[in-house]
C-alpha atoms as a PDB file:
ATOM      1  CA  MET A   1       0.000   0.000   0.000  1.00  0.00           C
ATOM      2  CA  THR A   2       1.560   3.316  -1.036  1.00  0.00           C
ATOM      3  CA  PRO A   3       1.451   6.466   1.104  1.00  0.00           C
ATOM      4  CA  ASN A   4      -1.019   7.989  -1.381  1.00  0.00           C
ATOM      5  CA  ASN A   5      -3.394   5.081  -0.768  1.00  0.00           C
ATOM      6  CA  PRO A   6      -3.274   4.449   2.966  1.00  0.00           C
ATOM      7  CA  SER A   7      -5.065   1.490   4.473  1.00  0.00           C
ATOM      8  CA  LEU A   8      -8.170   2.555   6.378  1.00  0.00           C
ATOM      9  CA  GLU A   9     -10.274   0.154   8.394  1.00  0.00           C
ATOM     10  CA  VAL A  10     -13.435   1.360  10.112  1.00  0.00           C
ATOM     11  CA  ARG A  11     -14.911  -1.035  12.663  1.00  0.00           C
ATOM     12  CA  GLY A  12     -18.373  -0.885  14.122  1.00  0.00           C
ATOM     13  CA  ALA A  13     -19.469  -2.080  17.523  1.00  0.00           C
ATOM     14  CA  ARG A  14     -18.736  -5.692  18.359  1.00  0.00           C
ATOM     15  CA  ALA A  15     -18.917  -8.046  21.309  1.00  0.00           C
ATOM     16  CA  SER A  16     -15.891  -9.996  22.446  1.00  0.00           C
ATOM     17  CA  SER A  17     -15.093 -12.906  24.694  1.00  0.00           C
ATOM     18  CA  VAL A  18     -11.631 -13.103  26.269  1.00  0.00           C
ATOM     19  CA  ILE A  19     -10.518 -16.602  27.282  1.00  0.00           C
ATOM     20  CA  VAL A  20      -7.315 -17.171  29.264  1.00  0.00           C
ATOM     21  CA  GLN A  21      -6.102 -20.760  29.334  1.00  0.00           C
ATOM     22  CA  SER A  22      -3.128 -22.596  30.811  1.00  0.00           C
ATOM     23  CA  ILE A  23      -1.625 -24.734  28.042  1.00  0.00           C
ATOM     24  CA  PRO A  24       1.237 -27.107  28.959  1.00  0.00           C
ATOM     25  CA  PRO A  25       4.103 -26.887  26.411  1.00  0.00           C
ATOM     26  CA  ASP A  26       3.747 -30.529  25.392  1.00  0.00           C
ATOM     27  CA  THR A  27       0.139 -29.957  24.296  1.00  0.00           C
ATOM     28  CA  VAL A  28       0.596 -26.718  22.291  1.00  0.00           C
ATOM     29  CA  GLU A  29       0.323 -28.413  18.883  1.00  0.00           C
ATOM     30  CA  ALA A  30      -2.804 -30.288  19.903  1.00  0.00           C
ATOM     31  CA  PHE A  31      -4.220 -27.086  21.412  1.00  0.00           C
ATOM     32  CA  MET A  32      -3.608 -25.168  18.169  1.00  0.00           C
ATOM     33  CA  GLU A  33      -5.439 -27.852  16.192  1.00  0.00           C
ATOM     34  CA  TRP A  34      -8.290 -27.753  18.714  1.00  0.00           C
ATOM     35  CA  GLN A  35      -8.366 -23.942  18.494  1.00  0.00           C
ATOM     36  CA  ARG A  36      -8.658 -24.111  14.706  1.00  0.00           C
ATOM     37  CA  ASN A  37     -11.516 -26.594  14.986  1.00  0.00           C
ATOM     38  CA  ILE A  38     -13.486 -24.633  17.582  1.00  0.00           C
ATOM     39  CA  SER A  39     -12.949 -21.443  15.561  1.00  0.00           C
ATOM     40  CA  ASP A  40     -14.299 -23.207  12.471  1.00  0.00           C
ATOM     41  CA  GLU A  41     -17.344 -24.214  14.526  1.00  0.00           C
ATOM     42  CA  ALA A  42     -17.811 -20.641  15.797  1.00  0.00           C
ATOM     43  CA  ALA A  43     -17.622 -19.388  12.202  1.00  0.00           C
ATOM     44  CA  LYS A  44     -20.826 -21.316  11.460  1.00  0.00           C
ATOM     45  CA  PHE A  45     -22.733 -19.082  13.885  1.00  0.00           C
ATOM     46  CA  PRO A  46     -24.313 -15.807  12.753  1.00  0.00           C
ATOM     47  CA  GLY A  47     -22.315 -12.711  13.584  1.00  0.00           C
ATOM     48  CA  TYR A  48     -18.932 -14.414  13.981  1.00  0.00           C
ATOM     49  CA  LEU A  49     -16.090 -12.089  12.974  1.00  0.00           C
ATOM     50  CA  THR A  50     -12.708 -13.487  13.980  1.00  0.00           C
ATOM     51  CA  THR A  51     -10.609 -15.137  16.685  1.00  0.00           C
ATOM     52  CA  GLU A  52      -7.324 -13.672  17.883  1.00  0.00           C
ATOM     53  CA  LEU A  53      -4.813 -15.845  19.745  1.00  0.00           C
ATOM     54  CA  TYR A  54      -2.011 -14.461  21.893  1.00  0.00           C
ATOM     55  CA  PRO A  55       0.606 -16.724  23.496  1.00  0.00           C
ATOM     56  CA  ALA A  56       1.994 -15.218  26.715  1.00  0.00           C
ATOM     57  CA  GLN A  57       4.137 -18.077  27.822  1.00  0.00           C
ATOM     58  CA  GLY A  58       6.112 -18.219  31.019  1.00  0.00           C
ATOM     59  CA  GLU A  59       6.131 -20.857  33.696  1.00  0.00           C
ATOM     60  CA  HIS A  60       2.330 -20.715  33.704  1.00  0.00           C
ATOM     61  CA  ASP A  61       2.006 -21.086  29.897  1.00  0.00           C
ATOM     62  CA  GLN A  62      -0.919 -18.699  29.611  1.00  0.00           C
ATOM     63  CA  TRP A  63      -2.625 -18.264  26.229  1.00  0.00           C
ATOM     64  CA  VAL A  64      -5.217 -15.575  25.540  1.00  0.00           C
ATOM     65  CA  ALA A  65      -7.929 -16.066  22.903  1.00  0.00           C
ATOM     66  CA  ILE A  66     -10.263 -13.202  21.952  1.00  0.00           C
ATOM     67  CA  VAL A  67     -13.398 -14.202  20.030  1.00  0.00           C
ATOM     68  CA  HIS A  68     -15.263 -11.389  18.268  1.00  0.00           C
ATOM     69  CA  PHE A  69     -18.937 -11.387  17.279  1.00  0.00           C
ATOM     70  CA  ALA A  70     -21.043  -8.658  15.722  1.00  0.00           C
ATOM     71  CA  ASP A  71     -23.090  -8.051  18.885  1.00  0.00           C
ATOM     72  CA  SER A  72     -23.663  -9.389  22.383  1.00  0.00           C
ATOM     73  CA  GLU A  73     -26.731 -11.461  21.467  1.00  0.00           C
ATOM     74  CA  LYS A  74     -24.875 -13.381  18.766  1.00  0.00           C
ATOM     75  CA  LEU A  75     -21.887 -13.862  21.068  1.00  0.00           C
ATOM     76  CA  LYS A  76     -24.157 -15.213  23.817  1.00  0.00           C
ATOM     77  CA  LEU A  77     -25.714 -17.623  21.318  1.00  0.00           C
ATOM     78  CA  TRP A  78     -22.256 -19.072  20.690  1.00  0.00           C
ATOM     79  CA  ILE A  79     -21.146 -19.034  24.361  1.00  0.00           C
ATOM     80  CA  ASP A  80     -24.306 -20.887  25.456  1.00  0.00           C
ATOM     81  CA  SER A  81     -24.400 -23.300  22.518  1.00  0.00           C
ATOM     82  CA  PRO A  82     -24.070 -27.088  22.939  1.00  0.00           C
ATOM     83  CA  GLN A  83     -21.576 -27.033  20.062  1.00  0.00           C
ATOM     84  CA  ARG A  84     -19.178 -24.864  22.052  1.00  0.00           C
ATOM     85  CA  ALA A  85     -19.736 -26.949  25.190  1.00  0.00           C
ATOM     86  CA  SER A  86     -18.890 -30.071  23.217  1.00  0.00           C
ATOM     87  CA  TRP A  87     -15.611 -28.589  21.973  1.00  0.00           C
ATOM     88  CA  VAL A  88     -14.655 -27.217  25.410  1.00  0.00           C
ATOM     89  CA  ALA A  89     -15.006 -30.760  26.760  1.00  0.00           C
ATOM     90  CA  LYS A  90     -12.426 -31.856  24.166  1.00  0.00           C
ATOM     91  CA  ILE A  91      -9.640 -29.464  25.208  1.00  0.00           C
ATOM     92  CA  PRO A  92      -6.516 -31.603  24.683  1.00  0.00           C
ATOM     93  CA  CYS A  93      -4.712 -30.422  27.800  1.00  0.00           C
ATOM     94  CA  LYS A  94      -3.854 -31.848  31.184  1.00  0.00           C
ATOM     95  CA  THR A  95      -5.561 -28.904  32.838  1.00  0.00           C
ATOM     96  CA  ARG A  96      -9.003 -27.432  32.174  1.00  0.00           C
ATOM     97  CA  ASP A  97      -8.157 -24.279  34.136  1.00  0.00           C
ATOM     98  CA  PHE A  98      -9.393 -21.269  32.195  1.00  0.00           C
ATOM     99  CA  GLN A  99     -11.085 -17.923  32.707  1.00  0.00           C
ATOM    100  CA  ILE A 100     -13.540 -16.324  30.301  1.00  0.00           C
ATOM    101  CA  THR A 101     -14.554 -12.665  30.302  1.00  0.00           C
ATOM    102  CA  THR A 102     -17.289 -11.291  28.044  1.00  0.00           C
ATOM    103  CA  LEU A 103     -17.092  -7.712  26.797  1.00  0.00           C
ATOM    104  CA  PRO A 104     -20.605  -6.853  25.531  1.00  0.00           C
ATOM    105  CA  THR A 105     -19.359  -3.877  23.504  1.00  0.00           C
ATOM    106  CA  GLY A 106     -16.032  -5.299  22.447  1.00  0.00           C
ATOM    107  CA  LEU A 107     -12.762  -3.456  23.068  1.00  0.00           C
ATOM    108  CA  GLY A 108     -13.903  -0.065  21.847  1.00  0.00           C
ATOM    109  CA  ASP A 109     -15.175   1.334  25.139  1.00  0.00           C
ATOM    110  CA  TRP A 110     -11.749   0.895  26.728  1.00  0.00           C
ATOM    111  CA  PHE A 111     -10.256   3.231  24.105  1.00  0.00           C
ATOM    112  CA  ALA A 112     -13.118   5.701  23.819  1.00  0.00           C
ATOM    113  CA  GLY A 113     -11.860   9.281  23.710  1.00  0.00           C
ATOM    114  CA  LEU A 114      -8.354   8.221  22.732  1.00  0.00           C
ATOM    115  CA  ASN A 115      -6.655   8.738  19.395  1.00  0.00           C
ATOM    116  CA  GLY A 116      -9.027  11.561  18.587  1.00  0.00           C
ATOM    117  CA  SER A 117      -6.678  13.146  16.099  1.00  0.00           C
ATOM    118  CA  SER A 118      -5.688   9.990  14.263  1.00  0.00           C
ATOM    119  CA  GLY A 119      -8.863   7.981  14.024  1.00  0.00           C
ATOM    120  CA  ALA A 120      -9.566   4.642  15.663  1.00  0.00           C
ATOM    121  CA  VAL A 121      -6.897   2.809  17.638  1.00  0.00           C
ATOM    122  CA  PRO A 122      -5.385   0.100  15.363  1.00  0.00           C
ATOM    123  CA  THR A 123      -6.580  -3.398  16.132  1.00  0.00           C
ATOM    124  CA  TRP A 124      -3.100  -4.737  16.891  1.00  0.00           C
ATOM    125  CA  LYS A 125      -2.441  -1.939  19.382  1.00  0.00           C
ATOM    126  CA  ALA A 126      -5.808  -2.484  21.061  1.00  0.00           C
ATOM    127  CA  GLY A 127      -5.087  -6.222  21.331  1.00  0.00           C
ATOM    128  CA  LEU A 128      -1.600  -5.676  22.748  1.00  0.00           C
ATOM    129  CA  THR A 129      -2.952  -3.148  25.254  1.00  0.00           C
ATOM    130  CA  VAL A 130      -5.662  -5.575  26.392  1.00  0.00           C
ATOM    131  CA  LEU A 131      -3.036  -8.284  26.810  1.00  0.00           C
ATOM    132  CA  LEU A 132      -0.896  -5.901  28.876  1.00  0.00           C
ATOM    133  CA  GLY A 133      -3.823  -5.222  31.183  1.00  0.00           C
ATOM    134  CA  LEU A 134      -5.329  -8.697  31.199  1.00  0.00           C
ATOM    135  CA  TYR A 135      -2.225 -10.790  31.860  1.00  0.00           C
ATOM    136  CA  PRO A 136      -1.231  -9.286  35.258  1.00  0.00           C
ATOM    137  CA  THR A 137      -4.898  -9.135  36.268  1.00  0.00           C
ATOM    138  CA  VAL A 138      -5.383 -12.850  35.627  1.00  0.00           C
ATOM    139  CA  MET A 139      -2.116 -13.747  37.326  1.00  0.00           C
ATOM    140  CA  LEU A 140      -2.892 -11.662  40.426  1.00  0.00           C
ATOM    141  CA  LEU A 141      -6.350 -13.210  40.635  1.00  0.00           C
ATOM    142  CA  HIS A 142      -4.708 -16.626  40.322  1.00  0.00           C
ATOM    143  CA  PHE A 143      -2.559 -15.951  43.380  1.00  0.00           C
ATOM    144  CA  LEU A 144      -4.940 -13.834  45.481  1.00  0.00           C
ATOM    145  CA  LEU A 145      -8.436 -15.051  44.637  1.00  0.00           C
ATOM    146  CA  VAL A 146      -8.281 -18.623  43.364  1.00  0.00           C
ATOM    147  CA  PRO A 147      -7.024 -20.088  46.702  1.00  0.00           C
ATOM    148  CA  HIS A 148     -10.207 -18.774  48.316  1.00  0.00           C
ATOM    149  CA  THR A 149     -12.611 -19.936  45.577  1.00  0.00           C
ATOM    150  CA  GLN A 150     -11.340 -23.499  45.186  1.00  0.00           C
ATOM    151  CA  ARG A 151     -13.856 -24.640  47.791  1.00  0.00           C
ATOM    152  CA  PHE A 152     -16.681 -23.754  45.392  1.00  0.00           C
ATOM    153  CA  ALA A 153     -17.866 -25.695  42.356  1.00  0.00           C
ATOM    154  CA  PRO A 154     -15.977 -24.652  39.163  1.00  0.00           C
ATOM    155  CA  ALA A 155     -19.041 -22.853  37.753  1.00  0.00           C
ATOM    156  CA  TYR A 156     -19.194 -20.562  40.808  1.00  0.00           C
ATOM    157  CA  ALA A 157     -15.424 -20.125  41.078  1.00  0.00           C
ATOM    158  CA  ILE A 158     -15.184 -19.074  37.421  1.00  0.00           C
ATOM    159  CA  LEU A 159     -18.130 -16.692  37.858  1.00  0.00           C
ATOM    160  CA  ILE A 160     -16.397 -15.006  40.819  1.00  0.00           C
ATOM    161  CA  GLY A 161     -13.142 -14.743  38.891  1.00  0.00           C
ATOM    162  CA  ASN A 162     -14.907 -13.286  35.855  1.00  0.00           C
ATOM    163  CA  ALA A 163     -16.753 -10.718  37.960  1.00  0.00           C
ATOM    164  CA  ALA A 164     -13.545  -9.628  39.677  1.00  0.00           C
ATOM    165  CA  SER A 165     -11.600  -9.300  36.419  1.00  0.00           C
ATOM    166  CA  VAL A 166     -14.395  -7.407  34.631  1.00  0.00           C
ATOM    167  CA  ILE A 167     -14.903  -4.976  37.521  1.00  0.00           C
ATOM    168  CA  PHE A 168     -11.195  -4.213  37.740  1.00  0.00           C
ATOM    169  CA  LEU A 169     -10.500  -3.981  34.021  1.00  0.00           C
ATOM    170  CA  GLN A 170     -13.647  -2.088  33.063  1.00  0.00           C
ATOM    171  CA  TRP A 171     -13.535   0.636  35.716  1.00  0.00           C
ATOM    172  CA  LEU A 172      -9.902   0.790  36.856  1.00  0.00           C
ATOM    173  CA  GLY A 173      -7.296  -1.178  34.930  1.00  0.00           C
ATOM    174  CA  MET A 174      -7.979  -0.486  31.265  1.00  0.00           C
ATOM    175  CA  PRO A 175      -9.015   3.186  31.548  1.00  0.00           C
ATOM    176  CA  ALA A 176      -5.844   3.949  33.516  1.00  0.00           C
ATOM    177  CA  LEU A 177      -3.612   1.863  31.251  1.00  0.00           C
ATOM    178  CA  SER A 178      -4.992   3.231  27.975  1.00  0.00           C
ATOM    179  CA  ARG A 179      -4.473   6.786  29.182  1.00  0.00           C
ATOM    180  CA  ALA A 180      -0.977   6.047  30.478  1.00  0.00           C
ATOM    181  CA  ILE A 181       0.141   4.811  27.049  1.00  0.00           C
ATOM    182  CA  ARG A 182      -1.932   7.309  25.068  1.00  0.00           C
ATOM    183  CA  PRO A 183       1.118   8.785  23.219  1.00  0.00           C
ATOM    184  CA  TRP A 184       1.876   5.306  21.866  1.00  0.00           C
ATOM    185  CA  LEU A 185      -1.762   4.681  20.910  1.00  0.00           C
ATOM    186  CA  ASP A 186      -1.836   8.044  19.093  1.00  0.00           C
ATOM    187  CA  ALA A 187       1.398   7.366  17.183  1.00  0.00           C
ATOM    188  CA  ASN A 188       0.065   6.047  13.879  1.00  0.00           C
ATOM    189  CA  GLY A 189       0.784   6.375  10.194  1.00  0.00           C
ATOM    190  CA  SER A 190       4.239   6.759   8.660  1.00  0.00           C
ATOM    191  CA  ALA A 191       5.164   9.558  11.068  1.00  0.00           C
ATOM    192  CA  GLY A 192       4.484   7.392  14.116  1.00  0.00           C
ATOM    193  CA  ARG A 193       5.888   4.118  12.814  1.00  0.00           C
ATOM    194  CA  LYS A 194       9.122   4.258  14.828  1.00  0.00           C
ATOM    195  CA  ALA A 195       7.307   5.162  18.042  1.00  0.00           C
ATOM    196  CA  SER A 196       4.775   2.397  17.405  1.00  0.00           C
ATOM    197  CA  LEU A 197       7.474  -0.244  16.957  1.00  0.00           C
ATOM    198  CA  LEU A 198       9.503   0.920  19.960  1.00  0.00           C
ATOM    199  CA  GLY A 199       6.379   1.013  22.117  1.00  0.00           C
ATOM    200  CA  ALA A 200       5.340  -2.479  21.010  1.00  0.00           C
ATOM    201  CA  ALA A 201       8.818  -3.790  21.800  1.00  0.00           C
ATOM    202  CA  ALA A 202       8.647  -2.163  25.238  1.00  0.00           C
ATOM    203  CA  ILE A 203       5.238  -3.704  25.988  1.00  0.00           C
ATOM    204  CA  ILE A 204       6.439  -7.155  24.921  1.00  0.00           C
ATOM    205  CA  ALA A 205       9.501  -6.702  27.155  1.00  0.00           C
ATOM    206  CA  VAL A 206       7.249  -5.734  30.081  1.00  0.00           C
ATOM    207  CA  LEU A 207       5.062  -8.815  29.501  1.00  0.00           C
ATOM    208  CA  LEU A 208       8.116 -11.081  29.450  1.00  0.00           C
ATOM    209  CA  LEU A 209       9.447  -9.422  32.618  1.00  0.00           C
ATOM    210  CA  MET A 210       6.093  -9.950  34.358  1.00  0.00           C
ATOM    211  CA  ALA A 211       6.090 -13.617  33.287  1.00  0.00           C
ATOM    212  CA  PHE A 212       9.615 -13.981  34.683  1.00  0.00           C
ATOM    213  CA  LEU A 213       8.658 -12.383  38.011  1.00  0.00           C
ATOM    214  CA  PHE A 214       5.386 -14.304  38.302  1.00  0.00           C
ATOM    215  CA  SER A 215       7.310 -17.555  37.758  1.00  0.00           C
ATOM    216  CA  PHE A 216       8.919 -17.060  41.188  1.00  0.00           C
ATOM    217  CA  ALA A 217       5.609 -16.502  42.939  1.00  0.00           C
ATOM    218  CA  GLU A 218       4.224 -20.029  42.480  1.00  0.00           C
END
């Protein structure tokens, strides 16, 4: 794409589901095949848009999957479907430990009011920002909350974990984080390419550092 014909992508409202899973290294290939299959199944449902997969591997081997649907009703249809339940039961991993958070309006609300001069925040920056906020949140909940919810049935424990993560991210974590890195989010186009790359490298370095530090907390 030449500078005279820049790429422009306008996205409407969407609903998203964020799933954080612990995937042992020896099951990654089987997990990727399973992820392709469940994504193919989700694609058969009305309103399905795409699935994004982010490996954030450390000692805990956390993987983040973000499933996007056109609206919350269509997302709920998929989340509650027997087809999804059937595939979840087939997760080819030694552990079934996972957390799922539903964002009824997608990622857009977390970046509302930002990037006003440059247009919408690019999808890859939004995804990386969510990962930066979500990963430490999930890990802190794992250490601080999970020991107290293990006495409950998994359905209730997951519900408590979801509620805690949504409350923190929606009203505290993501608003503060997105504003803290606003210069990086605003740096787009050819003029902001260097800042975008340096910022992305810094965020990846921070994620790796957090994974390293969390590995000593187990």
